[in-house]
Amino acid sequence: MCFVMPEQLYSLTTFRIIAKKAVLLYHTENVYTTRSWGSAGKSRQNRRLTILSHCENIPRHMRIVRGLKCFTERLRNPVLTLGNFDGVHLGHQAIFRKVVERAREIDGTSVAFTFEPHPLKVIAPERSPKLLNTFHAKMRLLGASGIDVVICANFTRAFADQNPDDFAREVLHEKIGVREVYVGYDYAFGKDREGGIESLRRTGRTYGFEVGVVEAVQVNGVVVSSSAIRDLVASGRIEEAAGLLGRHYTIEGEIVHGVKRGQKLGFPTANLNTANELVPGYGVYAVLAVIEGRLFKAVASIGVRPTFDSGPLSVEVFLFDFRGDLYSKHMEVSFIKHLRGEEKFADVEALVRQIRKDIEDARHALEHA
């Protein structure tokens, strides 16, 4: 199947990227906006993402091509990077900046070549990590980085078993016609990851494209990586994770019915059914929530409700100063500060006292964030 994602999936209403002390804040209404570069280095802002039901060539708009067989156009001077880009963290953003800058300089097209599903889900499911982004969120983040075209290859065992030189020749050179390729310092591809940077450079010399390497990004002496961020998020260290991501960690999903225990206690919560594989570790957090374009300060609890004899994992969000029906609405939750771990209380009264304190602590944290 060959398609670009439908427009309703691109309704992210609050999005932040922090890089080089710059904060970009996007507010959209079912229309995705981005910034890229036109010819002669002129900045082109607030471009509408073209939504297609099939593969077409619509120039000057970000395009998402699902499957290599759908890629049939000839791009102008493609400058490309390739990888899974889970998290779209500061290391990835450094690569995207280089790709976008070089595309601007040579009047070309910035391209991100990525894979779906994550390679480990195919070649070693037992070692596959919980991903930081849903596919749709990753596409939004790629677009916000200024990328013009995303080519998303269907990752299969046959794809994984490709000879790296054959991939570089048949896909990068013959099919896409790349002018330049930029990869991270730890790039590897092909069966048993046998294709590395030198292999790619050798193929580039043969077929006339340049290969550049973007060095690792470090924050406070820590090399930014998806695995490091996963560990931080899973352990509830969301402020440290934000430092490596360049933005607050965010999950999203549909608000669904719960057991209404919070309502009975006087704190009605929005229960989030999230498609995100990785949620922060059990505990209570100060958060920002976005629902239908409205931004709310809130406190979130993640865990199994041990005071009430436990249960399945739940993500419950108490919105400050709000009353109304939220069922079936889409909500995005950005985690700002970890307040405490999950606790089992002796009785309901003790729990209610702690909830009141959590709300006070969250309000204070959000005021000073």
Protein backbone atom coordinates (compact mmCIF):
# COMPACT_ATOMS: atom_id res chain seq x y z
CA MET A 1 0.00 0.00 0.00
CA CYS A 2 1.22 3.47 -0.89
CA PHE A 3 -0.08 6.48 0.99
CA VAL A 4 0.64 9.56 3.04
CA MET A 5 -0.89 9.88 6.49
CA PRO A 6 -4.39 11.41 6.65
CA GLU A 7 -4.65 14.99 7.82
CA GLN A 8 -6.56 14.29 11.02
CA LEU A 9 -3.53 12.45 12.38
CA TYR A 10 -1.54 15.68 12.27
CA SER A 11 -3.43 17.66 14.91
CA LEU A 12 -0.55 18.25 17.34
CA THR A 13 -1.48 21.47 19.05
CA THR A 14 1.53 22.14 21.20
CA PHE A 15 5.04 21.20 20.18
CA ARG A 16 8.37 22.38 21.48
CA ILE A 17 11.89 21.91 20.27
CA ILE A 18 14.71 23.34 22.31
CA ALA A 19 17.98 23.54 20.46
CA LYS A 20 20.73 26.13 20.78
CA LYS A 21 18.58 27.91 23.39
CA ALA A 22 15.80 28.48 20.83
CA VAL A 23 12.24 27.42 21.58
CA LEU A 24 9.78 26.85 18.75
CA LEU A 25 6.13 26.67 19.79
CA TYR A 26 3.53 25.51 17.29
CA HIS A 27 -0.22 25.94 17.69
CA THR A 28 -2.19 24.30 14.90
CA GLU A 29 -5.72 23.26 14.12
CA ASN A 30 -5.68 20.02 12.13
CA VAL A 31 -3.16 21.67 9.82
CA TYR A 32 0.49 20.88 10.19
CA THR A 33 2.93 23.75 9.77
CA THR A 34 6.64 23.66 9.40
CA ARG A 35 9.60 25.75 8.33
CA SER A 36 11.86 24.95 5.43
CA TRP A 37 13.96 26.68 2.82
CA GLY A 38 13.23 27.62 -0.74
CA SER A 39 15.61 28.52 -3.51
CA ALA A 40 18.31 31.13 -2.98
CA GLY A 41 18.27 30.45 0.76
CA LYS A 42 14.94 32.19 1.36
CA SER A 43 13.04 31.06 4.44
CA ARG A 44 9.59 29.64 3.80
CA GLN A 45 7.43 29.43 6.94
CA ASN A 46 4.05 28.01 7.94
CA ARG A 47 3.78 25.69 4.97
CA ARG A 48 0.74 23.45 4.92
CA LEU A 49 1.46 19.74 4.91
CA THR A 50 -0.10 18.27 1.79
CA ILE A 51 -2.16 15.19 2.57
CA LEU A 52 -2.37 12.63 -0.21
CA SER A 53 -4.32 9.40 -0.57
CA HIS A 54 -1.66 8.04 -2.91
CA CYS A 55 1.84 8.83 -4.15
CA GLU A 56 2.01 12.10 -6.05
CA ASN A 57 4.64 14.70 -6.70
CA ILE A 58 3.55 17.89 -4.96
CA PRO A 59 6.64 20.15 -4.87
CA ARG A 60 7.40 22.57 -2.04
CA HIS A 61 5.51 20.61 0.58
CA MET A 62 6.66 18.02 3.05
CA ARG A 63 5.72 14.60 1.73
CA ILE A 64 5.64 11.26 3.51
CA VAL A 65 6.11 8.30 1.20
CA ARG A 66 5.23 4.89 2.65
CA GLY A 67 7.18 2.16 0.85
CA LEU A 68 10.05 2.40 -1.61
CA LYS A 69 7.87 1.27 -4.50
CA CYS A 70 5.87 4.47 -4.06
CA PHE A 71 8.91 6.67 -4.56
CA THR A 72 8.95 7.39 -8.28
CA GLU A 73 9.93 11.05 -8.51
CA ARG A 74 13.29 12.63 -9.15
CA LEU A 75 14.14 15.07 -6.42
CA ARG A 76 16.26 18.15 -6.97
CA ASN A 77 19.73 17.63 -5.48
CA PRO A 78 18.67 15.32 -2.63
CA VAL A 79 20.55 15.68 0.64
CA LEU A 80 19.65 12.68 2.76
CA THR A 81 20.01 11.15 6.17
CA LEU A 82 18.90 7.69 7.17
CA GLY A 83 18.05 6.01 10.43
CA ASN A 84 15.22 5.05 12.72
CA PHE A 85 15.27 8.39 14.60
CA ASP A 86 13.32 7.14 17.61
CA GLY A 87 12.81 10.09 19.92
CA VAL A 88 14.01 12.69 17.38
CA HIS A 89 16.43 13.79 20.09
CA LEU A 90 19.16 16.44 20.06
CA GLY A 91 21.55 14.10 18.26
CA HIS A 92 19.02 13.51 15.49
CA GLN A 93 18.20 17.22 15.36
CA ALA A 94 21.87 18.02 14.79
CA ILE A 95 21.85 15.73 11.76
CA PHE A 96 18.61 17.25 10.44
CA ARG A 97 20.02 20.77 10.79
CA LYS A 98 23.02 19.76 8.70
CA VAL A 99 20.84 18.13 6.05
CA VAL A 100 18.46 21.10 5.83
CA GLU A 101 21.34 23.60 5.73
CA ARG A 102 23.14 21.72 2.96
CA ALA A 103 19.93 21.33 0.95
CA ARG A 104 19.41 25.07 1.20
CA GLU A 105 22.99 25.80 0.12
CA ILE A 106 22.79 23.66 -3.03
CA ASP A 107 19.15 24.49 -3.84
CA GLY A 108 18.23 20.92 -3.05
CA THR A 109 15.73 18.76 -1.19
CA SER A 110 16.19 17.57 2.39
CA VAL A 111 15.26 13.91 2.79
CA ALA A 112 14.94 11.60 5.79
CA PHE A 113 14.99 7.88 5.01
CA THR A 114 13.52 5.85 7.86
CA PHE A 115 11.96 2.47 8.59
CA GLU A 116 8.71 1.01 9.84
CA PRO A 117 8.57 -1.02 11.99
CA HIS A 118 11.67 -0.59 14.14
CA PRO A 119 14.32 -3.01 12.80
CA LEU A 120 14.62 -4.95 16.06
CA LYS A 121 10.90 -5.75 15.98
CA VAL A 122 11.68 -7.82 12.88
CA ILE A 123 15.15 -9.27 13.42
CA ALA A 124 15.13 -9.70 17.23
CA PRO A 125 11.68 -9.06 18.75
CA GLU A 126 12.82 -10.20 22.18
CA ARG A 127 15.33 -7.32 22.23
CA SER A 128 13.08 -4.71 20.69
CA PRO A 129 12.90 -1.57 22.85
CA LYS A 130 9.80 0.31 23.84
CA LEU A 131 9.75 3.23 21.43
CA LEU A 132 9.78 6.87 22.49
CA ASN A 133 7.46 8.02 19.70
CA THR A 134 4.46 6.73 17.84
CA PHE A 135 4.98 6.73 14.09
CA HIS A 136 2.71 9.73 13.64
CA ALA A 137 4.49 11.76 16.34
CA LYS A 138 7.84 10.98 14.74
CA MET A 139 6.58 12.29 11.41
CA ARG A 140 5.44 15.53 13.03
CA LEU A 141 8.83 15.98 14.67
CA LEU A 142 10.67 15.26 11.44
CA GLY A 143 8.62 17.88 9.68
CA ALA A 144 9.23 20.43 12.42
CA SER A 145 12.95 19.87 11.88
CA GLY A 146 12.55 21.26 8.36
CA ILE A 147 12.74 18.01 6.38
CA ASP A 148 11.05 18.22 2.96
CA VAL A 149 10.52 14.54 2.17
CA VAL A 150 10.30 11.45 4.38
CA ILE A 151 10.75 8.07 2.73
CA CYS A 152 9.56 5.32 5.04
CA ALA A 153 10.72 1.87 3.95
CA ASN A 154 8.85 -1.24 5.02
CA PHE A 155 11.41 -3.05 7.16
CA THR A 156 11.33 -6.81 6.52
CA ARG A 157 13.84 -9.63 6.90
CA ALA A 158 14.64 -9.34 3.22
CA PHE A 159 15.33 -5.63 3.68
CA ALA A 160 17.54 -6.41 6.69
CA ASP A 161 19.53 -8.99 4.73
CA GLN A 162 20.48 -6.57 1.96
CA ASN A 163 24.13 -6.18 1.15
CA PRO A 164 25.04 -2.65 2.30
CA ASP A 165 26.79 -1.83 -0.97
CA ASP A 166 23.76 -3.02 -2.96
CA PHE A 167 21.49 -0.82 -0.85
CA ALA A 168 23.71 2.22 -1.37
CA ARG A 169 23.87 1.58 -5.12
CA GLU A 170 20.29 0.53 -5.84
CA VAL A 171 18.42 2.75 -3.38
CA LEU A 172 20.54 5.76 -2.55
CA HIS A 173 22.19 6.19 -5.95
CA GLU A 174 19.87 4.71 -8.56
CA LYS A 175 16.42 5.24 -7.03
CA ILE A 176 16.85 8.46 -5.04
CA GLY A 177 19.86 9.95 -6.80
CA VAL A 178 21.41 11.41 -3.66
CA ARG A 179 23.96 14.19 -3.88
CA GLU A 180 25.03 14.04 -0.25
CA VAL A 181 24.37 11.68 2.68
CA TYR A 182 24.78 12.58 6.35
CA VAL A 183 24.74 9.98 9.10
CA GLY A 184 25.42 9.80 12.81
CA TYR A 185 28.73 8.73 14.29
CA ASP A 186 27.39 5.21 15.04
CA TYR A 187 25.83 4.51 11.64
CA ALA A 188 25.63 0.87 10.57
CA PHE A 189 23.38 -0.95 8.11
CA GLY A 190 22.76 -4.30 6.49
CA LYS A 191 22.99 -7.89 7.62
CA ASP A 192 24.72 -8.05 11.02
CA ARG A 193 25.22 -4.25 10.71
CA GLU A 194 28.21 -4.94 8.46
CA GLY A 195 27.77 -1.74 6.47
CA GLY A 196 29.47 1.12 8.28
CA ILE A 197 30.61 4.64 7.52
CA GLU A 198 33.68 3.60 5.53
CA SER A 199 31.59 1.23 3.41
CA LEU A 200 29.16 4.05 2.68
CA ARG A 201 31.98 6.43 1.82
CA ARG A 202 33.50 3.87 -0.54
CA THR A 203 30.20 3.46 -2.36
CA GLY A 204 29.78 7.22 -2.43
CA ARG A 205 33.11 7.68 -4.15
CA THR A 206 32.10 5.10 -6.73
CA TYR A 207 28.70 6.62 -7.51
CA GLY A 208 29.40 10.28 -7.01
CA PHE A 209 27.77 11.24 -3.73
CA GLU A 210 29.46 12.70 -0.68
CA VAL A 211 29.16 11.24 2.81
CA GLY A 212 29.37 13.33 5.96
CA VAL A 213 29.36 12.25 9.60
CA VAL A 214 27.73 14.25 12.37
CA GLU A 215 29.51 13.67 15.65
CA ALA A 216 27.81 12.68 18.89
CA VAL A 217 25.99 15.35 20.86
CA GLN A 218 26.70 15.45 24.59
CA VAL A 219 24.71 17.05 27.37
CA ASN A 220 26.53 17.40 30.69
CA GLY A 221 28.97 14.74 29.60
CA VAL A 222 26.25 12.27 28.55
CA VAL A 223 26.11 11.17 24.92
CA VAL A 224 22.58 11.72 23.63
CA SER A 225 21.01 8.46 22.49
CA SER A 226 17.58 6.89 22.26
CA SER A 227 18.55 4.12 24.68
CA ALA A 228 19.76 6.61 27.31
CA ILE A 229 16.51 8.55 27.03
CA ARG A 230 14.43 5.37 27.32
CA ASP A 231 16.22 4.48 30.55
CA LEU A 232 15.60 7.94 31.97
CA VAL A 233 11.90 7.99 31.04
CA ALA A 234 11.30 4.47 32.36
CA SER A 235 12.83 5.42 35.70
CA GLY A 236 10.81 8.64 35.98
CA ARG A 237 13.77 10.96 35.44
CA ILE A 238 11.83 13.02 32.95
CA GLU A 239 13.69 16.29 33.51
CA GLU A 240 16.97 14.63 32.55
CA ALA A 241 15.24 13.01 29.58
CA ALA A 242 14.00 16.42 28.45
CA GLY A 243 17.59 17.67 28.46
CA LEU A 244 18.54 14.99 25.92
CA LEU A 245 15.36 15.21 23.86
CA GLY A 246 15.39 18.97 23.56
CA ARG A 247 11.72 19.05 24.65
CA HIS A 248 9.49 17.57 27.31
CA TYR A 249 8.63 13.91 26.93
CA THR A 250 5.07 13.61 25.62
CA ILE A 251 2.54 10.84 25.24
CA GLU A 252 -0.88 11.02 23.62
CA GLY A 253 -4.09 9.10 23.21
CA GLU A 254 -7.83 9.00 23.73
CA ILE A 255 -9.61 9.88 26.97
CA VAL A 256 -11.62 6.86 28.05
CA HIS A 257 -13.94 5.84 30.88
CA GLY A 258 -12.33 4.59 34.07
CA VAL A 259 -13.78 3.33 37.34
CA LYS A 260 -14.50 6.97 38.36
CA ARG A 261 -12.72 6.57 41.68
CA GLY A 262 -11.10 9.99 41.32
CA GLN A 263 -14.50 11.58 40.85
CA LYS A 264 -15.74 9.95 44.05
CA LEU A 265 -12.73 11.34 45.89
CA GLY A 266 -13.39 14.85 44.56
CA PHE A 267 -10.66 14.82 41.91
CA PRO A 268 -12.16 13.71 38.56
CA THR A 269 -9.40 12.54 36.25
CA ALA A 270 -9.06 12.08 32.51
CA ASN A 271 -7.98 8.48 31.90
CA LEU A 272 -5.62 8.25 28.95
CA ASN A 273 -5.58 5.25 26.63
CA THR A 274 -2.23 5.83 24.98
CA ALA A 275 -0.66 4.26 21.91
CA ASN A 276 2.81 5.16 23.20
CA GLU A 277 4.87 2.10 24.04
CA LEU A 278 6.88 3.82 26.74
CA VAL A 279 5.25 5.73 29.60
CA PRO A 280 7.23 7.28 32.44
CA GLY A 281 7.90 5.23 35.56
CA TYR A 282 5.23 4.83 38.21
CA GLY A 283 4.64 8.03 40.14
CA VAL A 284 3.08 11.47 40.16
CA TYR A 285 4.10 14.25 37.76
CA ALA A 286 3.43 17.90 37.06
CA VAL A 287 2.28 17.98 33.44
CA LEU A 288 0.87 20.12 30.66
CA ALA A 289 -2.09 18.67 28.79
CA VAL A 290 -3.48 19.72 25.42
CA ILE A 291 -7.05 18.92 24.42
CA GLU A 292 -8.60 20.32 21.24
CA GLY A 293 -6.10 23.15 21.15
CA ARG A 294 -6.54 24.15 24.79
CA LEU A 295 -3.56 24.01 27.14
CA PHE A 296 -4.15 22.90 30.73
CA LYS A 297 -1.91 22.73 33.74
CA ALA A 298 -2.40 19.38 35.42
CA VAL A 299 -1.06 16.63 37.65
CA ALA A 300 -0.75 13.05 36.37
CA SER A 301 -0.55 9.73 38.16
CA ILE A 302 0.94 6.66 36.50
CA GLY A 303 0.71 3.29 38.15
CA VAL A 304 -1.52 0.48 39.36
CA ARG A 305 -3.40 2.21 42.26
CA PRO A 306 -1.93 0.11 45.12
CA THR A 307 -4.15 1.75 47.75
CA PHE A 308 -7.11 0.03 46.08
CA ASP A 309 -5.53 -3.44 45.77
CA SER A 310 -3.80 -2.58 42.49
CA GLY A 311 -4.98 -3.16 38.94
CA PRO A 312 -3.83 -2.64 35.37
CA LEU A 313 -1.50 0.22 34.50
CA SER A 314 -3.34 3.52 34.27
CA VAL A 315 -2.47 7.07 33.26
CA GLU A 316 -4.79 9.49 35.07
CA VAL A 317 -4.65 13.26 34.60
CA PHE A 318 -6.34 15.81 36.85
CA LEU A 319 -6.81 19.09 34.97
CA PHE A 320 -6.68 22.22 37.09
CA ASP A 321 -9.70 24.51 37.04
CA PHE A 322 -11.70 22.47 34.53
CA ARG A 323 -15.12 20.89 34.50
CA GLY A 324 -16.71 19.18 31.53
CA ASP A 325 -17.04 16.02 29.47
CA LEU A 326 -13.78 14.90 27.87
CA TYR A 327 -14.60 11.33 26.87
CA SER A 328 -13.34 10.24 23.43
CA LYS A 329 -11.30 13.42 23.01
CA HIS A 330 -7.63 13.31 22.07
CA MET A 331 -5.15 14.45 24.72
CA GLU A 332 -1.41 15.08 24.69
CA VAL A 333 0.44 15.02 28.01
CA SER A 334 3.89 16.57 28.42
CA PHE A 335 5.79 15.62 31.57
CA ILE A 336 7.42 18.60 33.25
CA LYS A 337 8.53 17.45 36.70
CA HIS A 338 8.54 14.22 38.71
CA LEU A 339 6.91 14.90 42.07
CA ARG A 340 7.04 11.56 43.89
CA GLY A 341 6.91 7.81 43.42
CA GLU A 342 3.79 5.68 43.63
CA GLU A 343 2.72 4.94 47.20
CA LYS A 344 0.22 2.74 49.01
CA PHE A 345 -1.70 4.69 51.65
CA ALA A 346 -3.19 3.36 54.86
CA ASP A 347 -6.64 4.71 54.07
CA VAL A 348 -8.57 6.92 51.65
CA GLU A 349 -8.25 9.98 53.90
CA ALA A 350 -4.46 9.79 53.75
CA LEU A 351 -4.63 9.44 49.99
CA VAL A 352 -6.87 12.51 49.65
CA ARG A 353 -4.49 14.57 51.78
CA GLN A 354 -1.60 13.53 49.55
CA ILE A 355 -3.55 14.33 46.37
CA ARG A 356 -4.17 17.85 47.65
CA LYS A 357 -0.45 18.21 48.32
CA ASP A 358 0.38 16.81 44.87
CA ILE A 359 -1.85 19.45 43.29
CA GLU A 360 -0.13 22.22 45.25
CA ASP A 361 3.30 20.87 44.35
CA ALA A 362 2.36 20.56 40.67
CA ARG A 363 1.00 24.12 40.52
CA HIS A 364 4.24 25.40 42.07
CA ALA A 365 6.41 23.34 39.70
CA LEU A 366 4.50 24.53 36.63
CA GLU A 367 4.65 28.18 37.70
CA HIS A 368 8.44 27.93 37.96
CA ALA A 369 9.09 25.65 34.98
